[in-house]
Amino acid sequence: MAENDFDFNNQEEAEIAQILALQMNDRALAEHRAKMPTGPSLEECDACGAEIPEARRIAAPGCTMCITCQEISEKRKRINGF
């Protein structure tokens, strides 16, 4: 086997690995998007009752909590593992 063949195989394997990594990333993003709420956002936070700013409702369609409550909820999920 010539050294050029070895270099070609390494390059080819690197390209395949990069394609697989991109596919895995695309799948992870699709799964994350599927879990995101959709539809109209609430005007008041489900958790504390505070007003949800219009900018947040536009940026995060389907949001049900203010930023503070959403952050607390996400931290609890990370700590509890779900």
N, C-alpha and C. Protein backbone atom coordinates (compact mmCIF):
# COMPACT_ATOMS: atom_id res chain seq x y z
N MET A 1 0.85 -1.17 0.00
CA MET A 1 0.00 0.00 0.00
C MET A 1 0.89 1.24 0.00
N ALA A 2 0.68 2.11 -0.91
CA ALA A 2 1.46 3.32 -1.03
C ALA A 2 1.02 4.35 0.01
N GLU A 3 1.92 5.26 0.35
CA GLU A 3 1.61 6.28 1.36
C GLU A 3 0.44 7.15 0.90
N ASN A 4 0.33 7.42 -0.40
CA ASN A 4 -0.77 8.21 -0.92
C ASN A 4 -2.11 7.53 -0.68
N ASP A 5 -2.15 6.21 -0.79
CA ASP A 5 -3.38 5.47 -0.51
C ASP A 5 -3.78 5.66 0.95
N PHE A 6 -2.80 5.62 1.84
CA PHE A 6 -3.06 5.81 3.26
C PHE A 6 -3.62 7.20 3.53
N ASP A 7 -3.03 8.22 2.92
CA ASP A 7 -3.50 9.58 3.09
C ASP A 7 -4.92 9.73 2.55
N PHE A 8 -5.19 9.11 1.40
CA PHE A 8 -6.53 9.18 0.82
C PHE A 8 -7.54 8.54 1.75
N ASN A 9 -7.22 7.37 2.31
CA ASN A 9 -8.15 6.69 3.20
C ASN A 9 -8.41 7.51 4.46
N ASN A 10 -7.38 8.15 5.00
CA ASN A 10 -7.57 9.00 6.17
C ASN A 10 -8.47 10.18 5.86
N GLN A 11 -8.25 10.78 4.71
CA GLN A 11 -9.07 11.92 4.30
C GLN A 11 -10.52 11.47 4.10
N GLU A 12 -10.70 10.35 3.45
CA GLU A 12 -12.03 9.83 3.21
C GLU A 12 -12.73 9.51 4.52
N GLU A 13 -12.02 8.88 5.45
CA GLU A 13 -12.60 8.56 6.75
C GLU A 13 -12.96 9.82 7.52
N ALA A 14 -12.14 10.85 7.42
CA ALA A 14 -12.43 12.12 8.09
C ALA A 14 -13.69 12.76 7.51
N GLU A 15 -13.84 12.70 6.20
CA GLU A 15 -15.03 13.25 5.56
C GLU A 15 -16.28 12.48 5.97
N ILE A 16 -16.18 11.17 6.04
CA ILE A 16 -17.32 10.35 6.47
C ILE A 16 -17.68 10.68 7.91
N ALA A 17 -16.68 10.83 8.78
CA ALA A 17 -16.93 11.18 10.18
C ALA A 17 -17.60 12.54 10.28
N GLN A 18 -17.18 13.48 9.45
CA GLN A 18 -17.79 14.81 9.48
C GLN A 18 -19.25 14.74 9.02
N ILE A 19 -19.53 13.98 8.00
CA ILE A 19 -20.91 13.82 7.52
C ILE A 19 -21.76 13.19 8.60
N LEU A 20 -21.26 12.15 9.26
CA LEU A 20 -22.01 11.50 10.34
C LEU A 20 -22.26 12.46 11.49
N ALA A 21 -21.27 13.28 11.83
CA ALA A 21 -21.44 14.25 12.91
C ALA A 21 -22.52 15.28 12.54
N LEU A 22 -22.53 15.73 11.30
CA LEU A 22 -23.56 16.67 10.85
C LEU A 22 -24.94 16.04 10.89
N GLN A 23 -25.05 14.78 10.50
CA GLN A 23 -26.33 14.08 10.55
C GLN A 23 -26.82 13.93 11.98
N MET A 24 -25.91 13.60 12.90
CA MET A 24 -26.28 13.48 14.31
C MET A 24 -26.74 14.83 14.86
N ASN A 25 -26.06 15.89 14.47
CA ASN A 25 -26.44 17.23 14.91
C ASN A 25 -27.83 17.60 14.38
N ASP A 26 -28.08 17.30 13.12
CA ASP A 26 -29.39 17.58 12.53
C ASP A 26 -30.50 16.83 13.26
N ARG A 27 -30.24 15.56 13.59
CA ARG A 27 -31.24 14.77 14.32
C ARG A 27 -31.50 15.35 15.71
N ALA A 28 -30.44 15.74 16.40
CA ALA A 28 -30.57 16.31 17.74
C ALA A 28 -31.37 17.61 17.70
N LEU A 29 -31.10 18.44 16.70
CA LEU A 29 -31.85 19.70 16.56
C LEU A 29 -33.32 19.42 16.26
N ALA A 30 -33.59 18.46 15.40
CA ALA A 30 -34.97 18.11 15.07
C ALA A 30 -35.71 17.60 16.30
N GLU A 31 -35.05 16.77 17.11
CA GLU A 31 -35.67 16.27 18.33
C GLU A 31 -35.95 17.41 19.30
N HIS A 32 -35.02 18.33 19.41
CA HIS A 32 -35.20 19.48 20.31
C HIS A 32 -36.37 20.35 19.83
N ARG A 33 -36.41 20.61 18.54
CA ARG A 33 -37.51 21.43 17.99
C ARG A 33 -38.85 20.76 18.19
N ALA A 34 -38.89 19.43 18.10
CA ALA A 34 -40.15 18.71 18.27
C ALA A 34 -40.68 18.84 19.70
N LYS A 35 -39.79 19.03 20.65
CA LYS A 35 -40.18 19.16 22.06
C LYS A 35 -40.61 20.58 22.42
N MET A 36 -40.29 21.53 21.56
CA MET A 36 -40.61 22.92 21.86
C MET A 36 -42.11 23.16 21.69
N PRO A 37 -42.68 23.99 22.57
CA PRO A 37 -44.11 24.29 22.43
C PRO A 37 -44.38 25.06 21.14
N THR A 38 -45.59 24.93 20.66
CA THR A 38 -45.99 25.65 19.46
C THR A 38 -47.32 26.34 19.74
N GLY A 39 -47.76 27.11 18.81
CA GLY A 39 -49.03 27.80 18.97
C GLY A 39 -48.85 29.15 19.64
N PRO A 40 -49.96 29.74 20.04
CA PRO A 40 -49.88 31.07 20.64
C PRO A 40 -49.25 31.02 22.03
N SER A 41 -48.50 32.05 22.34
CA SER A 41 -47.90 32.17 23.67
C SER A 41 -48.92 32.75 24.64
N LEU A 42 -48.73 32.44 25.90
CA LEU A 42 -49.59 33.03 26.93
C LEU A 42 -49.15 34.45 27.20
N GLU A 43 -50.07 35.28 27.63
CA GLU A 43 -49.73 36.65 27.99
C GLU A 43 -49.27 36.73 29.44
N GLU A 44 -49.68 35.76 30.26
CA GLU A 44 -49.27 35.70 31.65
C GLU A 44 -48.60 34.37 31.93
N CYS A 45 -47.57 34.41 32.76
CA CYS A 45 -46.81 33.22 33.11
C CYS A 45 -47.68 32.21 33.84
N ASP A 46 -47.62 30.97 33.39
CA ASP A 46 -48.36 29.87 34.02
C ASP A 46 -47.91 29.64 35.46
N ALA A 47 -46.65 29.90 35.75
CA ALA A 47 -46.09 29.58 37.06
C ALA A 47 -46.30 30.70 38.09
N CYS A 48 -46.04 31.95 37.69
CA CYS A 48 -46.09 33.04 38.68
C CYS A 48 -47.14 34.10 38.39
N GLY A 49 -47.71 34.09 37.20
CA GLY A 49 -48.74 35.06 36.85
C GLY A 49 -48.22 36.38 36.31
N ALA A 50 -46.91 36.55 36.25
CA ALA A 50 -46.34 37.80 35.72
C ALA A 50 -46.61 37.90 34.22
N GLU A 51 -46.62 39.12 33.73
CA GLU A 51 -46.82 39.34 32.30
C GLU A 51 -45.60 38.83 31.54
N ILE A 52 -45.86 38.14 30.44
CA ILE A 52 -44.79 37.69 29.54
C ILE A 52 -44.63 38.78 28.49
N PRO A 53 -43.45 39.39 28.42
CA PRO A 53 -43.24 40.49 27.46
C PRO A 53 -43.52 40.05 26.02
N GLU A 54 -44.03 40.98 25.24
CA GLU A 54 -44.36 40.69 23.84
C GLU A 54 -43.14 40.19 23.07
N ALA A 55 -41.97 40.76 23.34
CA ALA A 55 -40.76 40.34 22.63
C ALA A 55 -40.49 38.85 22.87
N ARG A 56 -40.70 38.38 24.09
CA ARG A 56 -40.51 36.96 24.38
C ARG A 56 -41.56 36.12 23.67
N ARG A 57 -42.79 36.57 23.68
CA ARG A 57 -43.86 35.81 23.01
C ARG A 57 -43.60 35.67 21.52
N ILE A 58 -42.99 36.69 20.93
CA ILE A 58 -42.66 36.64 19.51
C ILE A 58 -41.45 35.74 19.28
N ALA A 59 -40.43 35.89 20.13
CA ALA A 59 -39.18 35.14 19.96
C ALA A 59 -39.35 33.66 20.27
N ALA A 60 -40.27 33.33 21.20
CA ALA A 60 -40.46 31.93 21.61
C ALA A 60 -41.93 31.57 21.50
N PRO A 61 -42.41 31.35 20.28
CA PRO A 61 -43.82 31.02 20.11
C PRO A 61 -44.22 29.82 20.97
N GLY A 62 -45.38 29.95 21.60
CA GLY A 62 -45.88 28.86 22.43
C GLY A 62 -45.37 28.90 23.86
N CYS A 63 -44.63 29.96 24.23
CA CYS A 63 -44.10 30.01 25.59
C CYS A 63 -45.24 30.15 26.60
N THR A 64 -45.05 29.52 27.74
CA THR A 64 -46.07 29.54 28.79
C THR A 64 -45.55 30.13 30.09
N MET A 65 -44.24 30.43 30.12
CA MET A 65 -43.64 30.97 31.34
C MET A 65 -42.78 32.19 31.02
N CYS A 66 -42.66 33.06 32.03
CA CYS A 66 -41.73 34.18 31.90
C CYS A 66 -40.30 33.62 31.91
N ILE A 67 -39.35 34.45 31.57
CA ILE A 67 -37.96 33.99 31.47
C ILE A 67 -37.46 33.44 32.80
N THR A 68 -37.76 34.13 33.90
CA THR A 68 -37.29 33.69 35.21
C THR A 68 -37.82 32.30 35.55
N CYS A 69 -39.12 32.09 35.40
CA CYS A 69 -39.71 30.78 35.70
C CYS A 69 -39.21 29.71 34.73
N GLN A 70 -39.00 30.07 33.47
CA GLN A 70 -38.48 29.11 32.50
C GLN A 70 -37.08 28.66 32.89
N GLU A 71 -36.24 29.61 33.32
CA GLU A 71 -34.88 29.27 33.76
C GLU A 71 -34.92 28.34 34.97
N ILE A 72 -35.77 28.64 35.93
CA ILE A 72 -35.90 27.79 37.11
C ILE A 72 -36.36 26.39 36.71
N SER A 73 -37.33 26.32 35.82
CA SER A 73 -37.84 25.03 35.36
C SER A 73 -36.74 24.21 34.67
N GLU A 74 -35.96 24.87 33.83
CA GLU A 74 -34.88 24.16 33.12
C GLU A 74 -33.79 23.70 34.08
N LYS A 75 -33.46 24.51 35.08
CA LYS A 75 -32.46 24.11 36.07
C LYS A 75 -32.94 22.89 36.85
N ARG A 76 -34.22 22.89 37.23
CA ARG A 76 -34.78 21.73 37.96
C ARG A 76 -34.72 20.47 37.10
N LYS A 77 -35.03 20.61 35.84
CA LYS A 77 -34.98 19.45 34.93
C LYS A 77 -33.57 18.91 34.81
N ARG A 78 -32.57 19.81 34.73
CA ARG A 78 -31.18 19.36 34.65
C ARG A 78 -30.76 18.66 35.93
N ILE A 79 -31.14 19.22 37.07
CA ILE A 79 -30.76 18.64 38.35
C ILE A 79 -31.43 17.27 38.55
N ASN A 80 -32.70 17.20 38.20
CA ASN A 80 -33.47 15.96 38.39
C ASN A 80 -33.26 14.96 37.26
N GLY A 81 -32.62 15.39 36.19
CA GLY A 81 -32.30 14.48 35.10
C GLY A 81 -33.42 14.21 34.12
N PHE A 82 -34.40 15.12 34.05
CA PHE A 82 -35.44 14.96 33.02
C PHE A 82 -36.03 16.24 32.65
